[in-house]
């Protein structure tokens, strides 16, 4: 690996780690996040709740379809 590429990768990794450590330190210290961050977090929470609801509905539909297929198989066995 060329030294330039290695240096860029190293600096990127160290920069990301430092940014993360600073963010975590602020949270631990008790600094409240900015209004923008709070708003984005609330939007993420709403999205996750929506996805959870959609997943639950999809699982119910899958269960229903599996029951129908199972019943059809049973009827074919009985009818043989």
N, C-alpha and C. Protein backbone atom coordinates (compact mmCIF):
# COMPACT_ATOMS: atom_id res chain seq x y z
N UNK A 1 0.86 -1.17 0.00
CA UNK A 1 0.00 0.00 0.00
C UNK A 1 0.90 1.23 0.00
N UNK A 2 0.65 2.17 -0.90
CA UNK A 2 1.46 3.39 -0.94
C UNK A 2 1.33 4.17 0.37
N UNK A 3 2.38 4.84 0.79
CA UNK A 3 2.35 5.57 2.06
C UNK A 3 1.26 6.66 2.09
N UNK A 4 0.97 7.26 0.94
CA UNK A 4 -0.04 8.31 0.93
C UNK A 4 -1.43 7.75 1.28
N UNK A 5 -1.73 6.60 0.71
CA UNK A 5 -3.02 5.97 0.96
C UNK A 5 -3.12 5.55 2.41
N UNK A 6 -2.03 4.98 2.92
CA UNK A 6 -2.01 4.57 4.32
C UNK A 6 -2.21 5.77 5.24
N UNK A 7 -1.55 6.87 4.95
CA UNK A 7 -1.66 8.08 5.76
C UNK A 7 -3.09 8.62 5.75
N UNK A 8 -3.72 8.65 4.59
CA UNK A 8 -5.10 9.13 4.49
C UNK A 8 -6.03 8.21 5.28
N UNK A 9 -5.84 6.91 5.15
CA UNK A 9 -6.69 5.96 5.87
C UNK A 9 -6.49 6.10 7.38
N UNK A 10 -5.25 6.27 7.79
CA UNK A 10 -4.95 6.42 9.22
C UNK A 10 -5.57 7.70 9.76
N UNK A 11 -5.40 8.80 9.06
CA UNK A 11 -5.96 10.07 9.51
C UNK A 11 -7.49 10.02 9.55
N UNK A 12 -8.09 9.37 8.57
CA UNK A 12 -9.54 9.24 8.56
C UNK A 12 -10.02 8.45 9.76
N UNK A 13 -9.36 7.34 10.03
CA UNK A 13 -9.74 6.50 11.16
C UNK A 13 -9.58 7.23 12.47
N UNK A 14 -8.46 7.89 12.65
CA UNK A 14 -8.22 8.64 13.88
C UNK A 14 -9.22 9.79 14.01
N UNK A 15 -9.52 10.46 12.92
CA UNK A 15 -10.48 11.56 12.95
C UNK A 15 -11.86 11.10 13.34
N UNK A 16 -12.32 9.99 12.76
CA UNK A 16 -13.63 9.45 13.10
C UNK A 16 -13.67 9.02 14.57
N UNK A 17 -12.62 8.36 15.02
CA UNK A 17 -12.57 7.94 16.42
C UNK A 17 -12.59 9.14 17.36
N UNK A 18 -11.83 10.17 17.04
CA UNK A 18 -11.79 11.37 17.89
C UNK A 18 -13.16 12.05 17.92
N UNK A 19 -13.80 12.17 16.77
CA UNK A 19 -15.13 12.78 16.71
C UNK A 19 -16.11 12.00 17.58
N UNK A 20 -16.07 10.68 17.49
CA UNK A 20 -16.97 9.83 18.28
C UNK A 20 -16.69 9.99 19.77
N UNK A 21 -15.43 10.02 20.15
CA UNK A 21 -15.07 10.16 21.57
C UNK A 21 -15.55 11.50 22.11
N UNK A 22 -15.42 12.55 21.33
CA UNK A 22 -15.88 13.88 21.76
C UNK A 22 -17.39 13.87 21.94
N UNK A 23 -18.12 13.28 21.00
CA UNK A 23 -19.58 13.21 21.12
C UNK A 23 -19.99 12.43 22.37
N UNK A 24 -19.37 11.30 22.61
CA UNK A 24 -19.69 10.48 23.78
C UNK A 24 -19.36 11.24 25.06
N UNK A 25 -18.24 11.93 25.08
CA UNK A 25 -17.85 12.70 26.27
C UNK A 25 -18.87 13.79 26.56
N UNK A 26 -19.39 14.44 25.54
CA UNK A 26 -20.41 15.47 25.74
C UNK A 26 -21.68 14.88 26.33
N UNK A 27 -22.06 13.72 25.83
CA UNK A 27 -23.27 13.07 26.35
C UNK A 27 -23.06 12.67 27.81
N UNK A 28 -21.91 12.12 28.11
CA UNK A 28 -21.63 11.69 29.49
C UNK A 28 -21.59 12.89 30.42
N UNK A 29 -21.03 13.99 29.95
CA UNK A 29 -20.94 15.20 30.77
C UNK A 29 -22.30 15.83 31.01
N UNK A 30 -23.25 15.44 30.24
CA UNK A 30 -24.60 15.94 30.46
C UNK A 30 -24.99 17.11 29.60
N UNK A 31 -24.17 17.44 28.63
CA UNK A 31 -24.55 18.51 27.73
C UNK A 31 -25.75 18.05 26.92
N UNK A 32 -26.75 18.88 26.86
CA UNK A 32 -27.92 18.49 26.08
C UNK A 32 -27.62 18.72 24.60
N UNK A 33 -28.12 17.82 23.77
CA UNK A 33 -27.89 17.98 22.34
C UNK A 33 -28.63 19.19 21.79
N UNK A 34 -28.18 19.65 20.67
CA UNK A 34 -28.80 20.82 20.05
C UNK A 34 -30.22 20.49 19.61
N UNK A 35 -31.00 21.51 19.31
CA UNK A 35 -32.38 21.32 18.88
C UNK A 35 -32.43 20.50 17.59
N UNK A 36 -31.48 20.75 16.71
CA UNK A 36 -31.44 20.00 15.44
C UNK A 36 -31.22 18.51 15.69
N UNK A 37 -30.29 18.20 16.58
CA UNK A 37 -29.99 16.80 16.89
C UNK A 37 -31.21 16.15 17.54
N UNK A 38 -31.84 16.86 18.46
CA UNK A 38 -33.03 16.32 19.12
C UNK A 38 -34.13 16.07 18.11
N UNK A 39 -34.33 16.99 17.19
CA UNK A 39 -35.36 16.83 16.17
C UNK A 39 -35.07 15.64 15.27
N UNK A 40 -33.82 15.50 14.87
CA UNK A 40 -33.44 14.37 14.02
C UNK A 40 -33.60 13.05 14.76
N UNK A 41 -33.27 13.02 16.04
CA UNK A 41 -33.43 11.81 16.84
C UNK A 41 -34.90 11.44 16.95
N UNK A 42 -35.75 12.42 17.16
CA UNK A 42 -37.19 12.15 17.25
C UNK A 42 -37.71 11.61 15.92
N UNK A 43 -37.22 12.16 14.82
CA UNK A 43 -37.63 11.66 13.50
C UNK A 43 -37.18 10.22 13.30
N UNK A 44 -35.97 9.90 13.74
CA UNK A 44 -35.47 8.53 13.64
C UNK A 44 -36.35 7.60 14.49
N UNK A 45 -36.71 8.04 15.69
CA UNK A 45 -37.57 7.23 16.55
C UNK A 45 -38.93 6.99 15.89
N UNK A 46 -39.51 8.02 15.28
CA UNK A 46 -40.79 7.86 14.58
C UNK A 46 -40.65 6.88 13.42
N UNK A 47 -39.56 6.98 12.70
CA UNK A 47 -39.33 6.08 11.57
C UNK A 47 -39.19 4.64 12.05
N UNK A 48 -38.45 4.44 13.13
CA UNK A 48 -38.27 3.08 13.67
C UNK A 48 -39.61 2.52 14.13
N UNK A 49 -40.42 3.33 14.80
CA UNK A 49 -41.74 2.86 15.24
C UNK A 49 -42.60 2.49 14.04
N UNK A 50 -42.54 3.28 12.99
CA UNK A 50 -43.30 3.00 11.78
C UNK A 50 -42.84 1.68 11.15
N UNK A 51 -41.53 1.50 11.10
CA UNK A 51 -40.99 0.26 10.54
C UNK A 51 -41.36 -0.94 11.38
N UNK A 52 -41.38 -0.78 12.71
CA UNK A 52 -41.78 -1.87 13.59
C UNK A 52 -43.24 -2.24 13.34
N UNK A 53 -44.10 -1.25 13.16
CA UNK A 53 -45.51 -1.50 12.88
C UNK A 53 -45.66 -2.22 11.54
N UNK A 54 -44.95 -1.76 10.53
CA UNK A 54 -45.01 -2.41 9.22
C UNK A 54 -44.52 -3.86 9.30
N UNK A 55 -43.46 -4.08 10.07
CA UNK A 55 -42.93 -5.43 10.24
C UNK A 55 -43.94 -6.33 10.93
N UNK A 56 -44.59 -5.82 11.96
CA UNK A 56 -45.61 -6.61 12.66
C UNK A 56 -46.75 -6.98 11.72
N UNK A 57 -47.19 -6.02 10.90
CA UNK A 57 -48.26 -6.30 9.94
C UNK A 57 -47.82 -7.32 8.91
N UNK A 58 -46.59 -7.21 8.45
CA UNK A 58 -46.07 -8.16 7.47
C UNK A 58 -45.98 -9.56 8.07
N UNK A 59 -45.56 -9.65 9.33
CA UNK A 59 -45.48 -10.95 9.98
C UNK A 59 -46.87 -11.57 10.14
N UNK A 60 -47.87 -10.74 10.44
CA UNK A 60 -49.23 -11.26 10.54
C UNK A 60 -49.71 -11.79 9.19
N UNK A 61 -49.41 -11.06 8.13
CA UNK A 61 -49.80 -11.52 6.79
C UNK A 61 -49.09 -12.81 6.42
N UNK A 62 -47.83 -12.92 6.77
CA UNK A 62 -47.07 -14.13 6.49
C UNK A 62 -47.65 -15.31 7.26
N UNK A 63 -47.98 -15.10 8.54
CA UNK A 63 -48.59 -16.16 9.33
C UNK A 63 -49.90 -16.62 8.69
N UNK A 64 -50.72 -15.67 8.24
CA UNK A 64 -51.99 -15.98 7.60
C UNK A 64 -51.76 -16.81 6.34
N UNK A 65 -50.82 -16.37 5.51
CA UNK A 65 -50.52 -17.09 4.27
C UNK A 65 -50.02 -18.50 4.57
N UNK A 66 -49.17 -18.65 5.58
CA UNK A 66 -48.67 -19.98 5.95
C UNK A 66 -49.82 -20.88 6.42
N UNK A 67 -50.77 -20.32 7.18
CA UNK A 67 -51.91 -21.12 7.63
C UNK A 67 -52.76 -21.56 6.44
N UNK A 68 -52.97 -20.65 5.48
CA UNK A 68 -53.74 -21.02 4.29
C UNK A 68 -53.05 -22.13 3.50
N UNK A 69 -51.75 -22.00 3.31
CA UNK A 69 -51.01 -23.03 2.57
C UNK A 69 -51.04 -24.36 3.31
N UNK A 70 -50.91 -24.31 4.61
CA UNK A 70 -50.94 -25.52 5.41
C UNK A 70 -52.31 -26.19 5.33
N UNK A 71 -53.36 -25.39 5.39
CA UNK A 71 -54.71 -25.94 5.29
C UNK A 71 -54.94 -26.56 3.92
N UNK A 72 -54.44 -25.93 2.87
CA UNK A 72 -54.60 -26.47 1.52
C UNK A 72 -53.86 -27.80 1.38
N UNK A 73 -52.69 -27.91 1.95
CA UNK A 73 -51.93 -29.17 1.92
C UNK A 73 -52.68 -30.27 2.65
N UNK A 74 -53.23 -29.92 3.81
CA UNK A 74 -53.99 -30.90 4.60
C UNK A 74 -55.22 -31.39 3.82
N UNK A 75 -55.90 -30.48 3.14
CA UNK A 75 -57.08 -30.87 2.37
C UNK A 75 -56.70 -31.79 1.22
N UNK A 76 -55.54 -31.52 0.60
CA UNK A 76 -55.09 -32.40 -0.48
C UNK A 76 -54.76 -33.78 0.05
N UNK A 77 -54.14 -33.86 1.23
CA UNK A 77 -53.81 -35.16 1.82
C UNK A 77 -55.08 -35.94 2.16
N UNK A 78 -56.05 -35.24 2.73
CA UNK A 78 -57.29 -35.90 3.13
C UNK A 78 -58.06 -36.34 1.88
N UNK A 79 -58.02 -35.55 0.82
CA UNK A 79 -58.75 -35.85 -0.39
C UNK A 79 -58.14 -36.97 -1.23
N UNK A 80 -56.94 -37.37 -0.95
CA UNK A 80 -56.27 -38.40 -1.75
C UNK A 80 -56.87 -39.74 -1.59
